[in-house]
Protein backbone atom coordinates (compact mmCIF):
# COMPACT_ATOMS: atom_id res chain seq x y z
CA MET A 1 38.56 -36.01 6.55
CA ARG A 2 38.95 -34.46 3.19
CA SER A 3 35.67 -35.99 2.08
CA TYR A 4 33.74 -34.19 4.90
CA LEU A 5 35.12 -30.69 4.05
CA PRO A 6 32.77 -30.10 0.96
CA ARG A 7 29.79 -31.19 3.14
CA VAL A 8 30.77 -28.70 5.89
CA ILE A 9 31.27 -25.91 3.40
CA LEU A 10 27.95 -26.77 1.75
CA VAL A 11 26.08 -26.64 5.27
CA ALA A 12 27.81 -23.30 6.15
CA VAL A 13 26.78 -21.81 2.83
CA ILE A 14 23.13 -23.00 3.20
CA ALA A 15 22.95 -21.79 6.80
CA THR A 16 24.36 -18.32 5.83
CA ALA A 17 22.02 -18.01 2.90
CA SER A 18 19.09 -19.02 5.11
CA MET A 19 19.98 -16.43 7.70
CA SER A 20 20.43 -13.76 5.08
CA ALA A 21 17.03 -14.56 3.44
CA ALA A 22 15.39 -14.31 6.98
CA GLY A 23 17.00 -11.03 7.64
CA SER A 24 15.89 -9.55 4.33
CA SER A 25 12.35 -10.93 4.84
CA ARG A 26 12.26 -9.06 8.29
CA ALA A 27 13.71 -5.83 6.59
CA GLN A 28 11.02 -5.97 3.93
CA GLU A 29 8.24 -6.45 6.59
CA ALA A 30 9.52 -3.48 8.61
CA SER A 31 9.61 -1.18 5.73
CA GLY A 32 6.41 -2.42 3.99
CA VAL A 33 3.04 -3.40 5.25
CA ARG A 34 2.73 -3.17 9.06
CA TYR A 35 0.41 -6.11 9.59
CA ALA A 36 0.76 -5.73 13.50
CA ASP A 37 -0.62 -2.20 13.08
CA VAL A 38 -3.67 -3.31 11.17
CA ARG A 39 -6.28 -3.98 13.91
CA ALA A 40 -9.73 -5.53 13.51
CA GLY A 41 -12.15 -2.79 12.76
CA ALA A 42 -9.44 -0.49 11.06
CA TYR A 43 -10.86 1.90 8.34
CA SER A 44 -10.34 0.48 4.86
CA ILE A 45 -11.06 2.13 1.68
CA VAL A 46 -11.32 0.67 -1.86
CA ALA A 47 -11.71 3.44 -4.41
CA GLU A 48 -11.94 3.54 -8.15
CA VAL A 49 -11.35 6.32 -10.63
CA ARG A 50 -11.48 5.99 -14.48
CA ALA A 51 -9.65 8.33 -16.81
CA ARG A 52 -11.34 10.18 -19.51
CA PRO A 53 -10.74 8.78 -22.92
CA GLY A 54 -7.32 9.95 -24.15
CA LYS A 55 -6.34 11.18 -20.61
CA GLU A 56 -5.13 7.72 -19.25
CA ALA A 57 -1.48 8.62 -19.26
CA HIS A 58 -2.16 12.12 -17.84
CA LEU A 59 -4.20 10.63 -14.95
CA ARG A 60 -1.54 8.03 -14.34
CA GLU A 61 1.12 10.69 -14.17
CA ALA A 62 -0.92 12.86 -11.84
CA THR A 63 -1.71 9.72 -9.48
CA LEU A 64 1.63 8.00 -9.25
CA PRO A 65 3.07 10.57 -6.91
CA LEU A 66 0.49 9.78 -4.39
CA VAL A 67 2.01 6.38 -3.66
CA ALA A 68 5.21 7.91 -1.93
CA LEU A 69 3.30 10.71 -0.31
CA VAL A 70 0.48 8.62 1.26
CA ARG A 71 2.93 5.85 2.25
CA SER A 72 5.03 8.55 4.15
CA ASP A 73 2.04 9.56 6.20
CA PRO A 74 2.52 7.90 9.59
CA LYS A 75 -1.26 7.49 9.88
CA ASN A 76 -1.38 5.43 6.71
CA LEU A 77 -0.96 1.67 7.37
CA VAL A 78 -1.36 0.26 3.87
CA TYR A 79 -1.59 1.96 0.43
CA PHE A 80 -1.71 0.41 -2.97
CA LEU A 81 -2.43 2.05 -6.28
CA GLN A 82 -3.36 -0.38 -9.06
CA GLU A 83 -4.21 -0.18 -12.79
CA ASP A 84 -6.56 -2.49 -14.55
CA ARG A 85 -4.47 -4.50 -17.07
CA ALA A 86 -7.49 -5.01 -19.31
CA ALA A 87 -8.72 -1.44 -19.08
CA PRO A 88 -5.76 0.95 -18.73
CA GLY A 89 -6.88 4.12 -17.17
CA ARG A 90 -9.04 2.43 -14.65
CA PHE A 91 -7.37 2.93 -11.21
CA VAL A 92 -8.20 1.14 -7.85
CA PHE A 93 -6.76 2.35 -4.70
CA TYR A 94 -6.60 0.16 -1.54
CA GLU A 95 -6.07 2.02 1.68
CA ILE A 96 -6.03 1.27 5.39
CA PHE A 97 -5.98 3.72 8.19
CA ALA A 98 -6.53 2.95 11.86
CA THR A 99 -9.57 5.17 12.14
CA ARG A 100 -11.99 7.19 10.00
CA GLU A 101 -10.46 10.30 11.49
CA ASP A 102 -6.95 9.34 10.20
CA PHE A 103 -8.56 8.78 6.75
CA GLU A 104 -10.37 12.14 6.85
CA ALA A 105 -7.04 13.90 7.90
CA HIS A 106 -5.52 12.17 4.90
CA ASN A 107 -8.11 13.72 2.56
CA ARG A 108 -7.31 17.06 3.88
CA MET A 109 -3.69 16.87 3.04
CA PRO A 110 -2.68 19.50 0.28
CA TYR A 111 -1.49 16.89 -1.98
CA VAL A 112 -4.67 15.01 -1.90
CA LYS A 113 -6.70 18.19 -2.39
CA ASP A 114 -4.52 19.02 -5.36
CA TRP A 115 -5.11 15.64 -6.87
CA PHE A 116 -8.88 15.76 -6.50
CA ALA A 117 -8.79 19.25 -8.09
CA LYS A 118 -7.23 17.70 -11.26
CA LEU A 119 -9.94 15.03 -11.62
CA SER A 120 -12.58 17.31 -13.36
CA GLU A 121 -10.11 17.52 -16.39
CA LEU A 122 -8.74 13.94 -16.16
CA ALA A 123 -11.30 11.63 -14.90
CA ASP A 124 -14.61 10.25 -16.38
CA GLY A 125 -16.76 11.05 -13.44
CA GLY A 126 -15.66 11.17 -9.75
CA VAL A 127 -14.09 8.59 -7.41
CA THR A 128 -16.19 5.72 -6.38
CA VAL A 129 -15.36 4.93 -2.75
CA THR A 130 -16.25 1.88 -0.69
CA ARG A 131 -15.70 2.21 2.95
CA MET A 132 -14.93 -1.01 4.70
CA GLN A 133 -13.59 -2.38 8.04
CA ILE A 134 -10.80 -4.90 8.44
CA LEU A 135 -11.76 -8.29 9.90
CA GLY A 136 -9.36 -10.72 11.30
CA GLY A 137 -6.72 -8.20 12.13
CA SER A 138 -4.85 -7.89 15.28
CA ALA A 139 -6.85 -7.30 18.52
CA PRO A 140 -9.16 -4.21 18.37
CA HIS A 141 -7.37 -1.03 18.94
CA HIS A 142 -8.66 0.88 21.90
CA ARG A 143 -8.18 4.66 21.82
CA ASP A 144 -8.10 6.77 24.97
């Protein structure tokens, strides 16, 4: 009987670890990207802005607060800010909203307007925006 005890303990440890990892995965999903909310046809944006030479750190500093602010907007489904590793100061945004109206409401937020106002000093040109739609998401969202 004693020879089975280490196996029983090992099985219990593995089962506990598996349940813990599964719970952790669900928690990350719940507080992260809400894939179930991303419907086919959702309004997606890929935007790019480049810093003026010598303004890379300033543009990064002005842009980083947008991550928490936009992600806290209940109408935002996905928001990523990325910086090109090979070209520091080149920022690419990836954003998903359920509708164009939700995206336009986002652009009217005071913190977004404030950020755009800083671009004349910090950015080399404006923001290049590509408006896209999500394919292969959940069933289309029907609005009443």
